[in-house]
Amino acid sequence: MIPGESHTFSALIQENRKEFTTLLVLGVLLGYAFYFFQTRSSDEGSEVEEHGVLQMENIVVNDYVETLKGWQLKGEQAVVLEESRRMRIEKVRIWIYVPYTIDYA
C-alpha cells in the first residue's frame, strides 16, 4: 500500500478474501448446529408423562366452620399432583365471609 492512498471497501474484501470466506463458512456451520440442537432438545422435552396429575376445570372450594361459612374460592383451572398437598389454581376469585358483625359502642 502506498502512503496517502485511501483503501476502498472492495479492496479490503479482495485482500482478505480467504479470511472472510472462512468466517462465513464457520458462521453458517455454527448457525446450523445451534438450530439442530435447539429443535432436538424441544422434541425431547415434549414427551413428559403426566402420571399422578389431576386437572380440574371450574372449581369451587368452600371452608365451613360448624355452620358458618368462612371463605369461598373459585377458579377456572386447577392442577393437583398425587404426591403433593398443594394445588395450583389459575384465575382465582376469593370471597371471605365475616361470621358476625362487630358493634362499636
Protein backbone atom coordinates (compact mmCIF):
# COMPACT_ATOMS: atom_id res chain seq x y z
CA MET A 1 0.00 0.00 0.00
CA ILE A 2 1.28 3.44 -0.90
CA PRO A 3 1.20 6.04 1.92
CA GLY A 4 -1.56 8.58 1.40
CA GLU A 5 -3.63 6.24 -0.79
CA SER A 6 -7.10 5.52 0.56
CA HIS A 7 -8.44 1.98 0.55
CA THR A 8 -11.96 1.22 -0.53
CA PHE A 9 -14.18 -1.44 0.98
CA SER A 10 -13.93 -3.64 -2.12
CA ALA A 11 -10.12 -3.53 -1.92
CA LEU A 12 -10.32 -4.66 1.72
CA ILE A 13 -12.50 -7.61 0.73
CA GLN A 14 -10.19 -8.52 -2.14
CA GLU A 15 -7.15 -8.57 0.17
CA ASN A 16 -8.86 -10.65 2.87
CA ARG A 17 -10.97 -12.96 0.72
CA LYS A 18 -9.82 -16.20 2.43
CA GLU A 19 -10.47 -14.86 5.93
CA PHE A 20 -13.99 -13.62 5.05
CA THR A 21 -14.83 -16.92 3.34
CA THR A 22 -13.62 -18.88 6.37
CA LEU A 23 -15.67 -16.69 8.75
CA LEU A 24 -18.75 -17.06 6.54
CA VAL A 25 -18.47 -20.87 6.43
CA LEU A 26 -17.91 -21.06 10.20
CA GLY A 27 -20.92 -18.81 10.82
CA VAL A 28 -23.16 -20.99 8.66
CA LEU A 29 -21.95 -24.17 10.39
CA LEU A 30 -22.44 -22.70 13.87
CA GLY A 31 -25.90 -21.43 12.97
CA TYR A 32 -26.92 -24.85 11.65
CA ALA A 33 -25.53 -26.60 14.74
CA PHE A 34 -27.42 -24.21 17.05
CA TYR A 35 -30.68 -24.72 15.12
CA PHE A 36 -30.22 -28.51 15.08
CA PHE A 37 -29.63 -28.80 18.84
CA GLN A 38 -32.45 -26.36 19.70
CA THR A 39 -35.03 -28.33 17.71
CA ARG A 40 -33.74 -31.64 19.06
CA SER A 41 -33.94 -30.57 22.72
CA SER A 42 -37.51 -29.20 22.34
CA ASP A 43 -38.69 -32.56 20.94
CA GLU A 44 -37.31 -34.45 23.95
CA GLY A 45 -38.97 -32.09 26.44
CA SER A 46 -42.46 -32.53 24.96
CA GLU A 47 -42.60 -36.22 25.91
CA VAL A 48 -43.45 -35.61 29.57
CA GLU A 49 -45.68 -38.25 31.09
CA GLU A 50 -48.37 -36.84 33.37
CA HIS A 51 -48.69 -39.73 35.78
CA GLY A 52 -50.46 -38.86 39.03
CA VAL A 53 -51.72 -35.44 37.93
CA LEU A 54 -55.32 -34.29 38.34
CA GLN A 55 -56.53 -31.45 36.12
CA MET A 56 -59.81 -29.79 37.04
CA GLU A 57 -61.88 -27.01 35.49
CA ASN A 58 -64.32 -24.55 37.08
CA ILE A 59 -63.57 -25.49 40.67
CA VAL A 60 -65.16 -24.18 43.87
CA VAL A 61 -63.57 -24.69 47.29
CA ASN A 62 -65.60 -23.84 50.42
CA ASP A 63 -64.47 -23.63 54.03
CA TYR A 64 -67.10 -24.20 56.72
CA VAL A 65 -66.54 -23.94 60.46
CA GLU A 66 -69.51 -25.65 62.09
CA THR A 67 -72.43 -23.89 60.36
CA LEU A 68 -70.62 -20.67 59.41
CA LYS A 69 -69.08 -20.19 56.00
CA GLY A 70 -65.52 -18.81 56.34
CA TRP A 71 -64.40 -18.34 52.74
CA GLN A 72 -65.06 -19.50 49.22
CA LEU A 73 -62.55 -19.84 46.39
CA LYS A 74 -63.45 -20.16 42.71
CA GLY A 75 -61.02 -20.84 39.87
CA GLU A 76 -61.13 -21.68 36.19
CA GLN A 77 -58.46 -24.42 36.16
CA ALA A 78 -56.54 -26.33 38.82
CA VAL A 79 -53.71 -28.88 38.82
CA VAL A 80 -53.01 -31.22 41.73
CA LEU A 81 -50.10 -33.67 41.95
CA GLU A 82 -50.75 -37.03 43.57
CA GLU A 83 -47.76 -36.78 45.94
CA SER A 84 -48.37 -33.14 46.90
CA ARG A 85 -50.73 -31.42 49.29
CA ARG A 86 -50.71 -28.27 47.18
CA MET A 87 -52.96 -27.18 44.33
CA ARG A 88 -52.17 -24.69 41.59
CA ILE A 89 -55.26 -22.69 40.64
CA GLU A 90 -55.46 -20.27 37.72
CA LYS A 91 -57.64 -17.13 37.60
CA VAL A 92 -58.71 -17.25 41.24
CA ARG A 93 -61.53 -15.29 42.92
CA ILE A 94 -61.80 -15.36 46.72
CA TRP A 95 -64.77 -14.41 48.90
CA ILE A 96 -64.32 -14.01 52.66
CA TYR A 97 -67.42 -14.13 54.84
CA VAL A 98 -67.44 -12.46 58.24
CA PRO A 99 -69.40 -14.69 60.64
CA TYR A 100 -70.74 -11.77 62.68
CA THR A 101 -70.59 -8.01 62.64
CA ILE A 102 -68.76 -6.11 65.35
CA ASP A 103 -70.70 -3.30 67.02
CA TYR A 104 -68.63 -0.41 68.27
CA ALA A 105 -70.34 1.28 71.19
